PDB file of N, CA and C in Angstrom:
ATOM      1  N   MET A   1      -6.915   1.508 -21.312  1.00  0.00           N
ATOM      2  CA  MET A   1      -5.734   1.190 -20.532  1.00  0.00           C
ATOM      3  C   MET A   1      -5.552   2.199 -19.403  1.00  0.00           C
ATOM      4  N   ARG A   2      -5.772   3.467 -19.681  1.00  0.00           N
ATOM      5  CA  ARG A   2      -5.611   4.507 -18.669  1.00  0.00           C
ATOM      6  C   ARG A   2      -6.556   4.263 -17.495  1.00  0.00           C
ATOM      7  N   GLN A   3      -7.788   3.791 -17.769  1.00  0.00           N
ATOM      8  CA  GLN A   3      -8.752   3.521 -16.717  1.00  0.00           C
ATOM      9  C   GLN A   3      -8.253   2.395 -15.813  1.00  0.00           C
ATOM     10  N   ILE A   4      -7.685   1.354 -16.404  1.00  0.00           N
ATOM     11  CA  ILE A   4      -7.157   0.232 -15.618  1.00  0.00           C
ATOM     12  C   ILE A   4      -6.017   0.709 -14.731  1.00  0.00           C
ATOM     13  N   TYR A   5      -5.141   1.542 -15.262  1.00  0.00           N
ATOM     14  CA  TYR A   5      -4.025   2.082 -14.492  1.00  0.00           C
ATOM     15  C   TYR A   5      -4.547   2.914 -13.324  1.00  0.00           C
ATOM     16  N   GLY A   6      -5.566   3.715 -13.566  1.00  0.00           N
ATOM     17  CA  GLY A   6      -6.172   4.518 -12.512  1.00  0.00           C
ATOM     18  C   GLY A   6      -6.791   3.657 -11.423  1.00  0.00           C
ATOM     19  N   GLU A   7      -7.481   2.590 -11.815  1.00  0.00           N
ATOM     20  CA  GLU A   7      -8.074   1.669 -10.852  1.00  0.00           C
ATOM     21  C   GLU A   7      -6.994   0.973 -10.039  1.00  0.00           C
ATOM     22  N   PHE A   8      -5.904   0.595 -10.701  1.00  0.00           N
ATOM     23  CA  PHE A   8      -4.775  -0.032 -10.009  1.00  0.00           C
ATOM     24  C   PHE A   8      -4.216   0.918  -8.953  1.00  0.00           C
ATOM     25  N   ASN A   9      -4.011   2.172  -9.333  1.00  0.00           N
ATOM     26  CA  ASN A   9      -3.491   3.167  -8.388  1.00  0.00           C
ATOM     27  C   ASN A   9      -4.434   3.349  -7.207  1.00  0.00           C
ATOM     28  N   GLU A  10      -5.730   3.398  -7.482  1.00  0.00           N
ATOM     29  CA  GLU A  10      -6.706   3.586  -6.411  1.00  0.00           C
ATOM     30  C   GLU A  10      -6.718   2.405  -5.448  1.00  0.00           C
ATOM     31  N   LEU A  11      -6.728   1.185  -5.976  1.00  0.00           N
ATOM     32  CA  LEU A  11      -6.742   0.000  -5.123  1.00  0.00           C
ATOM     33  C   LEU A  11      -5.458  -0.132  -4.316  1.00  0.00           C
ATOM     34  N   THR A  12      -4.329   0.107  -4.962  1.00  0.00           N
ATOM     35  CA  THR A  12      -3.044   0.027  -4.268  1.00  0.00           C
ATOM     36  C   THR A  12      -2.973   1.090  -3.176  1.00  0.00           C
ATOM     37  N   GLY A  13      -3.355   2.303  -3.499  1.00  0.00           N
ATOM     38  CA  GLY A  13      -3.334   3.378  -2.521  1.00  0.00           C
ATOM     39  C   GLY A  13      -4.261   3.122  -1.352  1.00  0.00           C
ATOM     40  N   LYS A  14      -5.436   2.586  -1.650  1.00  0.00           N
ATOM     41  CA  LYS A  14      -6.389   2.263  -0.591  1.00  0.00           C
ATOM     42  C   LYS A  14      -5.797   1.232   0.359  1.00  0.00           C
ATOM     43  N   ARG A  15      -5.147   0.226  -0.190  1.00  0.00           N
ATOM     44  CA  ARG A  15      -4.553  -0.822   0.641  1.00  0.00           C
ATOM     45  C   ARG A  15      -3.412  -0.263   1.487  1.00  0.00           C
ATOM     46  N   VAL A  16      -2.577   0.586   0.907  1.00  0.00           N
ATOM     47  CA  VAL A  16      -1.483   1.198   1.666  1.00  0.00           C
ATOM     48  C   VAL A  16      -2.063   1.985   2.836  1.00  0.00           C
ATOM     49  N   ARG A  17      -3.081   2.764   2.574  1.00  0.00           N
ATOM     50  CA  ARG A  17      -3.699   3.581   3.631  1.00  0.00           C
ATOM     51  C   ARG A  17      -4.314   2.710   4.714  1.00  0.00           C
ATOM     52  N   GLU A  18      -5.037   1.656   4.317  1.00  0.00           N
ATOM     53  CA  GLU A  18      -5.649   0.751   5.293  1.00  0.00           C
ATOM     54  C   GLU A  18      -4.598   0.123   6.199  1.00  0.00           C
ATOM     55  N   LEU A  19      -3.521  -0.357   5.606  1.00  0.00           N
ATOM     56  CA  LEU A  19      -2.462  -0.988   6.401  1.00  0.00           C
ATOM     57  C   LEU A  19      -1.775   0.025   7.309  1.00  0.00           C
ATOM     58  N   ARG A  20      -1.564   1.220   6.806  1.00  0.00           N
ATOM     59  CA  ARG A  20      -0.940   2.265   7.619  1.00  0.00           C
ATOM     60  C   ARG A  20      -1.802   2.575   8.835  1.00  0.00           C
ATOM     61  N   LEU A  21      -3.096   2.720   8.624  1.00  0.00           N
ATOM     62  CA  LEU A  21      -3.999   3.039   9.723  1.00  0.00           C
ATOM     63  C   LEU A  21      -4.136   1.871  10.707  1.00  0.00           C
ATOM     64  N   GLU A  22      -4.162   0.635  10.199  1.00  0.00           N
ATOM     65  CA  GLU A  22      -4.217  -0.538  11.076  1.00  0.00           C
ATOM     66  C   GLU A  22      -3.027  -0.563  12.028  1.00  0.00           C
ATOM     67  N   ARG A  23      -1.889  -0.132  11.532  1.00  0.00           N
ATOM     68  CA  ARG A  23      -0.666  -0.145  12.336  1.00  0.00           C
ATOM     69  C   ARG A  23      -0.504   1.140  13.157  1.00  0.00           C
ATOM     70  N   GLU A  24      -1.449   2.035  12.984  1.00  0.00           N
ATOM     71  CA  GLU A  24      -1.441   3.326  13.674  1.00  0.00           C
ATOM     72  C   GLU A  24      -0.184   4.131  13.363  1.00  0.00           C
ATOM     73  N   TYR A  25       0.280   4.016  12.116  1.00  0.00           N
ATOM     74  CA  TYR A  25       1.413   4.814  11.650  1.00  0.00           C
ATOM     75  C   TYR A  25       0.885   6.148  11.136  1.00  0.00           C
ATOM     76  N   THR A  26       1.594   7.199  11.402  1.00  0.00           N
ATOM     77  CA  THR A  26       1.262   8.471  10.778  1.00  0.00           C
ATOM     78  C   THR A  26       1.762   8.423   9.339  1.00  0.00           C
ATOM     79  N   ARG A  27       1.224   9.299   8.534  1.00  0.00           N
ATOM     80  CA  ARG A  27       1.693   9.377   7.150  1.00  0.00           C
ATOM     81  C   ARG A  27       3.175   9.769   7.121  1.00  0.00           C
ATOM     82  N   ASN A  28       3.557  10.693   7.995  1.00  0.00           N
ATOM     83  CA  ASN A  28       4.965  11.107   8.042  1.00  0.00           C
ATOM     84  C   ASN A  28       5.883   9.957   8.421  1.00  0.00           C
ATOM     85  N   TYR A  29       5.456   9.141   9.385  1.00  0.00           N
ATOM     86  CA  TYR A  29       6.287   8.016   9.816  1.00  0.00           C
ATOM     87  C   TYR A  29       6.483   7.019   8.679  1.00  0.00           C
ATOM     88  N   LEU A  30       5.394   6.616   8.025  1.00  0.00           N
ATOM     89  CA  LEU A  30       5.520   5.641   6.939  1.00  0.00           C
ATOM     90  C   LEU A  30       6.342   6.199   5.788  1.00  0.00           C
ATOM     91  N   ALA A  31       6.125   7.439   5.465  1.00  0.00           N
ATOM     92  CA  ALA A  31       6.889   8.059   4.376  1.00  0.00           C
ATOM     93  C   ALA A  31       8.379   8.059   4.704  1.00  0.00           C
ATOM     94  N   GLU A  32       8.706   8.374   5.932  1.00  0.00           N
ATOM     95  CA  GLU A  32      10.112   8.371   6.344  1.00  0.00           C
ATOM     96  C   GLU A  32      10.697   6.969   6.249  1.00  0.00           C
ATOM     97  N   GLN A  33       9.949   5.966   6.708  1.00  0.00           N
ATOM     98  CA  GLN A  33      10.425   4.580   6.656  1.00  0.00           C
ATOM     99  C   GLN A  33      10.640   4.113   5.217  1.00  0.00           C
ATOM    100  N   ALA A  34       9.772   4.555   4.322  1.00  0.00           N
ATOM    101  CA  ALA A  34       9.847   4.140   2.916  1.00  0.00           C
ATOM    102  C   ALA A  34      10.743   5.063   2.084  1.00  0.00           C
ATOM    103  N   ASP A  35      11.268   6.106   2.719  1.00  0.00           N
ATOM    104  CA  ASP A  35      12.156   7.068   2.058  1.00  0.00           C
ATOM    105  C   ASP A  35      11.481   7.791   0.893  1.00  0.00           C
ATOM    106  N   ILE A  36      10.242   8.235   1.148  1.00  0.00           N
ATOM    107  CA  ILE A  36       9.521   9.065   0.187  1.00  0.00           C
ATOM    108  C   ILE A  36       8.938  10.250   0.962  1.00  0.00           C
ATOM    109  N   SER A  37       8.475  11.255   0.260  1.00  0.00           N
ATOM    110  CA  SER A  37       7.888  12.411   0.945  1.00  0.00           C
ATOM    111  C   SER A  37       6.477  12.064   1.418  1.00  0.00           C
ATOM    112  N   SER A  38       6.046  12.707   2.479  1.00  0.00           N
ATOM    113  CA  SER A  38       4.694  12.466   2.978  1.00  0.00           C
ATOM    114  C   SER A  38       3.650  12.957   1.958  1.00  0.00           C
ATOM    115  N   ARG A  39       3.995  13.978   1.211  1.00  0.00           N
ATOM    116  CA  ARG A  39       3.080  14.467   0.165  1.00  0.00           C
ATOM    117  C   ARG A  39       2.894  13.408  -0.926  1.00  0.00           C
ATOM    118  N   PHE A  40       4.003  12.772  -1.342  1.00  0.00           N
ATOM    119  CA  PHE A  40       3.917  11.713  -2.351  1.00  0.00           C
ATOM    120  C   PHE A  40       3.109  10.542  -1.810  1.00  0.00           C
ATOM    121  N   LEU A  41       3.323  10.179  -0.537  1.00  0.00           N
ATOM    122  CA  LEU A  41       2.551   9.094   0.064  1.00  0.00           C
ATOM    123  C   LEU A  41       1.064   9.429   0.052  1.00  0.00           C
ATOM    124  N   CYS A  42       0.719  10.652   0.354  1.00  0.00           N
ATOM    125  CA  CYS A  42      -0.677  11.083   0.315  1.00  0.00           C
ATOM    126  C   CYS A  42      -1.254  10.908  -1.090  1.00  0.00           C
ATOM    127  N   GLU A  43      -0.503  11.308  -2.090  1.00  0.00           N
ATOM    128  CA  GLU A  43      -0.948  11.165  -3.486  1.00  0.00           C
ATOM    129  C   GLU A  43      -1.142   9.689  -3.845  1.00  0.00           C
ATOM    130  N   ILE A  44      -0.257   8.826  -3.356  1.00  0.00           N
ATOM    131  CA  ILE A  44      -0.387   7.386  -3.599  1.00  0.00           C
ATOM    132  C   ILE A  44      -1.641   6.860  -2.915  1.00  0.00           C
ATOM    133  N   GLU A  45      -1.823   7.202  -1.641  1.00  0.00           N
ATOM    134  CA  GLU A  45      -2.954   6.689  -0.874  1.00  0.00           C
ATOM    135  C   GLU A  45      -4.304   7.069  -1.484  1.00  0.00           C
ATOM    136  N   PHE A  46      -4.388   8.215  -2.080  1.00  0.00           N
ATOM    137  CA  PHE A  46      -5.652   8.637  -2.682  1.00  0.00           C
ATOM    138  C   PHE A  46      -5.754   8.298  -4.164  1.00  0.00           C
ATOM    139  N   GLY A  47      -4.779   7.530  -4.669  1.00  0.00           N
ATOM    140  CA  GLY A  47      -4.832   7.051  -6.047  1.00  0.00           C
ATOM    141  C   GLY A  47      -4.574   8.102  -7.096  1.00  0.00           C
ATOM    142  N   ARG A  48      -4.037   9.239  -6.683  1.00  0.00           N
ATOM    143  CA  ARG A  48      -3.777  10.318  -7.639  1.00  0.00           C
ATOM    144  C   ARG A  48      -2.440  10.156  -8.344  1.00  0.00           C
ATOM    145  N   LYS A  49      -1.542   9.368  -7.750  1.00  0.00           N
ATOM    146  CA  LYS A  49      -0.229   9.117  -8.356  1.00  0.00           C
ATOM    147  C   LYS A  49       0.068   7.634  -8.310  1.00  0.00           C
ATOM    148  N   GLY A  50       0.727   7.179  -9.344  1.00  0.00           N
ATOM    149  CA  GLY A  50       1.259   5.831  -9.347  1.00  0.00           C
ATOM    150  C   GLY A  50       2.684   5.886  -8.829  1.00  0.00           C
ATOM    151  N   CYS A  51       3.287   4.745  -8.654  1.00  0.00           N
ATOM    152  CA  CYS A  51       4.668   4.730  -8.193  1.00  0.00           C
ATOM    153  C   CYS A  51       5.381   3.517  -8.778  1.00  0.00           C
ATOM    154  N   SER A  52       6.676   3.541  -8.664  1.00  0.00           N
ATOM    155  CA  SER A  52       7.490   2.460  -9.218  1.00  0.00           C
ATOM    156  C   SER A  52       7.352   1.195  -8.377  1.00  0.00           C
ATOM    157  N   ALA A  53       7.764   0.097  -8.954  1.00  0.00           N
ATOM    158  CA  ALA A  53       7.779  -1.172  -8.224  1.00  0.00           C
ATOM    159  C   ALA A  53       8.679  -1.069  -7.005  1.00  0.00           C
ATOM    160  N   TYR A  54       9.754  -0.317  -7.116  1.00  0.00           N
ATOM    161  CA  TYR A  54      10.670  -0.166  -5.996  1.00  0.00           C
ATOM    162  C   TYR A  54      10.016   0.586  -4.838  1.00  0.00           C
ATOM    163  N   VAL A  55       9.218   1.602  -5.109  1.00  0.00           N
ATOM    164  CA  VAL A  55       8.507   2.325  -4.057  1.00  0.00           C
ATOM    165  C   VAL A  55       7.464   1.405  -3.417  1.00  0.00           C
ATOM    166  N   ILE A  56       6.763   0.628  -4.226  1.00  0.00           N
ATOM    167  CA  ILE A  56       5.802  -0.337  -3.677  1.00  0.00           C
ATOM    168  C   ILE A  56       6.535  -1.326  -2.773  1.00  0.00           C
ATOM    169  N   TYR A  57       7.695  -1.782  -3.190  1.00  0.00           N
ATOM    170  CA  TYR A  57       8.504  -2.694  -2.374  1.00  0.00           C
ATOM    171  C   TYR A  57       8.868  -2.036  -1.034  1.00  0.00           C
ATOM    172  N   ARG A  58       9.352  -0.798  -1.078  1.00  0.00           N
ATOM    173  CA  ARG A  58       9.743  -0.112   0.161  1.00  0.00           C
ATOM    174  C   ARG A  58       8.540   0.100   1.078  1.00  0.00           C
ATOM    175  N   LEU A  59       7.386   0.400   0.504  1.00  0.00           N
ATOM    176  CA  LEU A  59       6.174   0.542   1.312  1.00  0.00           C
ATOM    177  C   LEU A  59       5.803  -0.796   1.958  1.00  0.00           C
ATOM    178  N   ALA A  60       5.877  -1.868   1.188  1.00  0.00           N
ATOM    179  CA  ALA A  60       5.548  -3.196   1.720  1.00  0.00           C
ATOM    180  C   ALA A  60       6.483  -3.560   2.872  1.00  0.00           C
ATOM    181  N   VAL A  61       7.771  -3.353   2.692  1.00  0.00           N
ATOM    182  CA  VAL A  61       8.740  -3.645   3.759  1.00  0.00           C
ATOM    183  C   VAL A  61       8.427  -2.804   4.988  1.00  0.00           C
ATOM    184  N   SER A  62       8.153  -1.540   4.795  1.00  0.00           N
ATOM    185  CA  SER A  62       7.865  -0.633   5.906  1.00  0.00           C
ATOM    186  C   SER A  62       6.586  -1.010   6.633  1.00  0.00           C
ATOM    187  N   LEU A  63       5.642  -1.600   5.910  1.00  0.00           N
ATOM    188  CA  LEU A  63       4.373  -2.025   6.507  1.00  0.00           C
ATOM    189  C   LEU A  63       4.425  -3.460   7.024  1.00  0.00           C
ATOM    190  N   GLY A  64       5.501  -4.177   6.694  1.00  0.00           N
ATOM    191  CA  GLY A  64       5.656  -5.553   7.162  1.00  0.00           C
ATOM    192  C   GLY A  64       4.790  -6.558   6.434  1.00  0.00           C
ATOM    193  N   VAL A  65       4.541  -6.312   5.140  1.00  0.00           N
ATOM    194  CA  VAL A  65       3.734  -7.232   4.333  1.00  0.00           C
ATOM    195  C   VAL A  65       4.487  -7.579   3.058  1.00  0.00           C
ATOM    196  N   ARG A  66       3.994  -8.600   2.375  1.00  0.00           N
ATOM    197  CA  ARG A  66       4.547  -8.958   1.066  1.00  0.00           C
ATOM    198  C   ARG A  66       4.040  -7.955   0.035  1.00  0.00           C
ATOM    199  N   VAL A  67       4.800  -7.771  -1.013  1.00  0.00           N
ATOM    200  CA  VAL A  67       4.425  -6.840  -2.084  1.00  0.00           C
ATOM    201  C   VAL A  67       3.067  -7.194  -2.671  1.00  0.00           C
ATOM    202  N   ASP A  68       2.789  -8.478  -2.843  1.00  0.00           N
ATOM    203  CA  ASP A  68       1.519  -8.856  -3.461  1.00  0.00           C
ATOM    204  C   ASP A  68       0.319  -8.454  -2.609  1.00  0.00           C
ATOM    205  N   CYS A  69       0.518  -8.223  -1.326  1.00  0.00           N
ATOM    206  CA  CYS A  69      -0.583  -7.742  -0.475  1.00  0.00           C
ATOM    207  C   CYS A  69      -0.984  -6.319  -0.846  1.00  0.00           C
ATOM    208  N   LEU A  70      -0.078  -5.594  -1.470  1.00  0.00           N
ATOM    209  CA  LEU A  70      -0.390  -4.225  -1.899  1.00  0.00           C
ATOM    210  C   LEU A  70      -0.931  -4.199  -3.317  1.00  0.00           C
ATOM    211  N   ILE A  71      -0.341  -4.974  -4.211  1.00  0.00           N
ATOM    212  CA  ILE A  71      -0.713  -4.837  -5.625  1.00  0.00           C
ATOM    213  C   ILE A  71      -1.786  -5.806  -6.088  1.00  0.00           C
ATOM    214  N   ALA A  72      -2.037  -6.852  -5.330  1.00  0.00           N
ATOM    215  CA  ALA A  72      -3.057  -7.812  -5.738  1.00  0.00           C
ATOM    216  C   ALA A  72      -4.294  -7.696  -4.862  1.00  0.00           C
ATOM    217  N   TYR A  73      -4.439  -6.565  -4.215  1.00  0.00           N
ATOM    218  CA  TYR A  73      -5.541  -6.384  -3.271  1.00  0.00           C
ATOM    219  C   TYR A  73      -6.879  -6.409  -3.984  1.00  0.00           C
ATOM    220  N   ASP A  74      -7.768  -7.259  -3.464  1.00  0.00           N
ATOM    221  CA  ASP A  74      -9.103  -7.372  -4.052  1.00  0.00           C
ATOM    222  C   ASP A  74     -10.198  -7.227  -3.002  1.00  0.00           C
ATOM    223  N   GLY A  75      -9.847  -6.681  -1.849  1.00  0.00           N
ATOM    224  CA  GLY A  75     -10.816  -6.533  -0.769  1.00  0.00           C
ATOM    225  C   GLY A  75     -10.753  -7.666   0.230  1.00  0.00           C
ATOM    226  N   THR A  76      -9.948  -8.692  -0.062  1.00  0.00           N
ATOM    227  CA  THR A  76      -9.799  -9.827   0.829  1.00  0.00           C
ATOM    228  C   THR A  76      -9.005  -9.412   2.056  1.00  0.00           C
ATOM    229  N   GLU A  77      -9.406  -9.884   3.210  1.00  0.00           N
ATOM    230  CA  GLU A  77      -8.683  -9.580   4.441  1.00  0.00           C
ATOM    231  C   GLU A  77      -7.438 -10.465   4.519  1.00  0.00           C
ATOM    232  N   TYR A  78      -6.340  -9.875   4.944  1.00  0.00           N
ATOM    233  CA  TYR A  78      -5.078 -10.585   5.092  1.00  0.00           C
ATOM    234  C   TYR A  78      -4.655 -10.584   6.546  1.00  0.00           C
ATOM    235  N   GLY A  79      -4.032 -11.679   6.968  1.00  0.00           N
ATOM    236  CA  GLY A  79      -3.509 -11.779   8.315  1.00  0.00           C
ATOM    237  C   GLY A  79      -2.175 -11.074   8.441  1.00  0.00           C
ATOM    238  N   GLU A  80      -1.617 -11.108   9.651  1.00  0.00           N
ATOM    239  CA  GLU A  80      -0.348 -10.438   9.904  1.00  0.00           C
ATOM    240  C   GLU A  80       0.781 -10.996   9.054  1.00  0.00           C
ATOM    241  N   ASP A  81       0.689 -12.275   8.697  1.00  0.00           N
ATOM    242  CA  ASP A  81       1.730 -12.886   7.880  1.00  0.00           C
ATOM    243  C   ASP A  81       1.520 -12.614   6.396  1.00  0.00           C
ATOM    244  N   GLY A  82       0.478 -11.857   6.074  1.00  0.00           N
ATOM    245  CA  GLY A  82       0.186 -11.529   4.685  1.00  0.00           C
ATOM    246  C   GLY A  82      -0.700 -12.542   3.998  1.00  0.00           C
ATOM    247  N   GLY A  83      -0.963 -13.684   4.646  1.00  0.00           N
ATOM    248  CA  GLY A  83      -1.827 -14.707   4.067  1.00  0.00           C
ATOM    249  C   GLY A  83      -3.284 -14.352   4.245  1.00  0.00           C
ATOM    250  N   LYS A  84      -4.145 -14.938   3.418  1.00  0.00           N
ATOM    251  CA  LYS A  84      -5.572 -14.672   3.522  1.00  0.00           C
ATOM    252  C   LYS A  84      -6.090 -15.207   4.848  1.00  0.00           C
ATOM    253  N   MET A  85      -6.967 -14.438   5.460  1.00  0.00           N
ATOM    254  CA  MET A  85      -7.557 -14.842   6.725  1.00  0.00           C
ATOM    255  C   MET A  85      -8.417 -16.086   6.510  1.00  0.00           C
ATOM    256  N   GLY A  86      -8.372 -16.995   7.473  1.00  0.00           N
ATOM    257  CA  GLY A  86      -9.206 -18.192   7.393  1.00  0.00           C
ATOM    258  C   GLY A  86      -8.604 -19.309   6.568  1.00  0.00           C
ATOM    259  N   GLN A  87      -7.389 -19.114   6.066  1.00  0.00           N
ATOM    260  CA  GLN A  87      -6.726 -20.162   5.295  1.00  0.00           C
ATOM    261  C   GLN A  87      -5.497 -20.629   6.052  1.00  0.00           C
ATOM    262  N   SER A  88      -5.242 -21.897   6.009  1.00  0.00           N
ATOM    263  CA  SER A  88      -4.056 -22.444   6.683  1.00  0.00           C
ATOM    264  C   SER A  88      -2.883 -22.510   5.760  1.00  0.00           C
TER     265      SER A  88
END
């Protein structure tokens, strides 16, 4: 179970970082928007810390995506509306 939790944290953090960089947000800017510390955001992005559903929600809102785009990430590319690319 611990391994699955670690993988979840890594995938979620990777997606948060990818979206942040796509939007050209600094870590400090996103952390401020989500009302968390930039250090905590760094820990999330590198999969070293997990976070509550509420923090994931605030990150999603700050990034302009649906929550499932952060937690259900499987490497699939998503469009600006959060939908999978190439799907109508």
